[in-house]
Amino acid sequence: MEGTVTELELIVQAARLVVSTRFASSTLLVQRLHVSQGEANQILSRLVHCQVIAPATSGRTHSVLTTSQQLPGVIDEFVARG
């Protein structure tokens, strides 16, 4: 991808990734989105805040709450909020 990816674009990419894989972890985001560990944690926090994923419980990964059918509406909301 050319140029700088915006925070919104990263969040949308992350939402698509976790919904399609039904798995959410910072390691997944670091490997697939090529972001730092800190950025991955911030993205996960945003996805928790927007209820795409549930907060992680001790020693476990995040549960994915959003379905693929719900994802377009979630993305529209991300874009509307900026």
C-alpha atoms as a PDB file:
ATOM      1  CA  MET A   1       0.000   0.000   0.000  1.00  0.00           C
ATOM      2  CA  GLU A   2       1.424   3.358  -0.965  1.00  0.00           C
ATOM      3  CA  GLY A   3       1.590   6.304   1.369  1.00  0.00           C
ATOM      4  CA  THR A   4       0.718   6.486   5.005  1.00  0.00           C
ATOM      5  CA  VAL A   5      -2.216   4.494   6.276  1.00  0.00           C
ATOM      6  CA  THR A   6      -4.494   6.553   8.507  1.00  0.00           C
ATOM      7  CA  GLU A   7      -5.615   5.426  11.943  1.00  0.00           C
ATOM      8  CA  LEU A   8      -9.167   4.993  10.620  1.00  0.00           C
ATOM      9  CA  GLU A   9      -7.947   2.798   7.756  1.00  0.00           C
ATOM     10  CA  LEU A  10      -5.983   0.631  10.222  1.00  0.00           C
ATOM     11  CA  ILE A  11      -9.014   0.224  12.460  1.00  0.00           C
ATOM     12  CA  VAL A  12     -11.194  -0.750   9.490  1.00  0.00           C
ATOM     13  CA  GLN A  13      -8.550  -3.220   8.281  1.00  0.00           C
ATOM     14  CA  ALA A  14      -8.271  -4.662  11.786  1.00  0.00           C
ATOM     15  CA  ALA A  15     -12.046  -4.980  12.115  1.00  0.00           C
ATOM     16  CA  ARG A  16     -12.231  -6.831   8.792  1.00  0.00           C
ATOM     17  CA  LEU A  17      -9.350  -9.084   9.816  1.00  0.00           C
ATOM     18  CA  VAL A  18     -10.684 -10.072  13.238  1.00  0.00           C
ATOM     19  CA  VAL A  19     -14.215 -10.610  11.947  1.00  0.00           C
ATOM     20  CA  SER A  20     -13.050 -12.725   9.002  1.00  0.00           C
ATOM     21  CA  THR A  21     -10.686 -14.834  11.128  1.00  0.00           C
ATOM     22  CA  ARG A  22     -12.922 -14.807  14.243  1.00  0.00           C
ATOM     23  CA  PHE A  23      -9.710 -14.214  16.219  1.00  0.00           C
ATOM     24  CA  ALA A  24      -8.340 -11.025  17.774  1.00  0.00           C
ATOM     25  CA  SER A  25      -4.894 -10.587  19.280  1.00  0.00           C
ATOM     26  CA  SER A  26      -2.129  -8.024  19.192  1.00  0.00           C
ATOM     27  CA  THR A  27       0.181 -10.621  17.625  1.00  0.00           C
ATOM     28  CA  LEU A  28      -2.230 -11.091  14.718  1.00  0.00           C
ATOM     29  CA  LEU A  29      -2.395  -7.338  14.111  1.00  0.00           C
ATOM     30  CA  VAL A  30       1.388  -6.930  14.339  1.00  0.00           C
ATOM     31  CA  GLN A  31       1.951  -9.733  11.830  1.00  0.00           C
ATOM     32  CA  ARG A  32      -0.842  -8.973   9.375  1.00  0.00           C
ATOM     33  CA  LEU A  33      -1.094  -5.172   9.539  1.00  0.00           C
ATOM     34  CA  HIS A  34       2.624  -4.544  10.115  1.00  0.00           C
ATOM     35  CA  VAL A  35       2.062  -2.260  13.097  1.00  0.00           C
ATOM     36  CA  SER A  36       4.000  -2.015  16.356  1.00  0.00           C
ATOM     37  CA  GLN A  37       2.901  -3.824  19.491  1.00  0.00           C
ATOM     38  CA  GLY A  38       1.774  -0.502  20.982  1.00  0.00           C
ATOM     39  CA  GLU A  39      -0.276   0.368  17.901  1.00  0.00           C
ATOM     40  CA  ALA A  40      -1.829  -3.101  17.914  1.00  0.00           C
ATOM     41  CA  ASN A  41      -2.865  -2.675  21.549  1.00  0.00           C
ATOM     42  CA  GLN A  42      -4.416   0.723  20.782  1.00  0.00           C
ATOM     43  CA  ILE A  43      -6.344  -0.725  17.846  1.00  0.00           C
ATOM     44  CA  LEU A  44      -7.618  -3.568  20.018  1.00  0.00           C
ATOM     45  CA  SER A  45      -8.742  -1.025  22.620  1.00  0.00           C
ATOM     46  CA  ARG A  46     -10.681   0.855  19.934  1.00  0.00           C
ATOM     47  CA  LEU A  47     -12.280  -2.376  18.725  1.00  0.00           C
ATOM     48  CA  VAL A  48     -13.305  -3.189  22.309  1.00  0.00           C
ATOM     49  CA  HIS A  49     -14.733   0.325  22.744  1.00  0.00           C
ATOM     50  CA  CYS A  50     -16.782  -0.094  19.547  1.00  0.00           C
ATOM     51  CA  GLN A  51     -17.895  -3.586  20.625  1.00  0.00           C
ATOM     52  CA  VAL A  52     -16.335  -5.359  17.666  1.00  0.00           C
ATOM     53  CA  ILE A  53     -14.501  -7.545  20.194  1.00  0.00           C
ATOM     54  CA  ALA A  54     -14.942  -8.242  23.893  1.00  0.00           C
ATOM     55  CA  PRO A  55     -12.295  -7.303  26.444  1.00  0.00           C
ATOM     56  CA  ALA A  56      -9.715 -10.056  26.888  1.00  0.00           C
ATOM     57  CA  THR A  57      -9.986 -12.139  29.997  1.00  0.00           C
ATOM     58  CA  SER A  58      -6.860 -13.221  31.845  1.00  0.00           C
ATOM     59  CA  GLY A  59      -4.658 -15.307  29.611  1.00  0.00           C
ATOM     60  CA  ARG A  60      -7.213 -15.517  26.812  1.00  0.00           C
ATOM     61  CA  THR A  61      -7.708 -13.739  23.509  1.00  0.00           C
ATOM     62  CA  HIS A  62     -10.544 -11.366  22.763  1.00  0.00           C
ATOM     63  CA  SER A  63     -13.876 -12.865  21.691  1.00  0.00           C
ATOM     64  CA  VAL A  64     -15.138 -11.458  18.400  1.00  0.00           C
ATOM     65  CA  LEU A  65     -18.630 -10.010  18.878  1.00  0.00           C
ATOM     66  CA  THR A  66     -19.344  -8.626  15.404  1.00  0.00           C
ATOM     67  CA  THR A  67     -20.502 -10.926  12.616  1.00  0.00           C
ATOM     68  CA  SER A  68     -19.611 -10.565   8.957  1.00  0.00           C
ATOM     69  CA  GLN A  69     -23.203  -9.456   8.314  1.00  0.00           C
ATOM     70  CA  GLN A  70     -22.869  -6.658  10.899  1.00  0.00           C
ATOM     71  CA  LEU A  71     -19.434  -5.520   9.717  1.00  0.00           C
ATOM     72  CA  PRO A  72     -20.540  -3.118   6.928  1.00  0.00           C
ATOM     73  CA  GLY A  73     -22.686  -1.187   9.422  1.00  0.00           C
ATOM     74  CA  VAL A  74     -19.834  -1.096  11.917  1.00  0.00           C
ATOM     75  CA  ILE A  75     -17.453   0.220   9.263  1.00  0.00           C
ATOM     76  CA  ASP A  76     -19.988   2.870   8.223  1.00  0.00           C
ATOM     77  CA  GLU A  77     -20.131   3.971  11.854  1.00  0.00           C
ATOM     78  CA  PHE A  78     -16.308   4.148  12.070  1.00  0.00           C
ATOM     79  CA  VAL A  79     -16.231   6.343   8.971  1.00  0.00           C
ATOM     80  CA  ALA A  80     -19.054   8.574  10.212  1.00  0.00           C
ATOM     81  CA  ARG A  81     -17.263   9.121  13.525  1.00  0.00           C
ATOM     82  CA  GLY A  82     -13.967   9.793  11.745  1.00  0.00           C
END
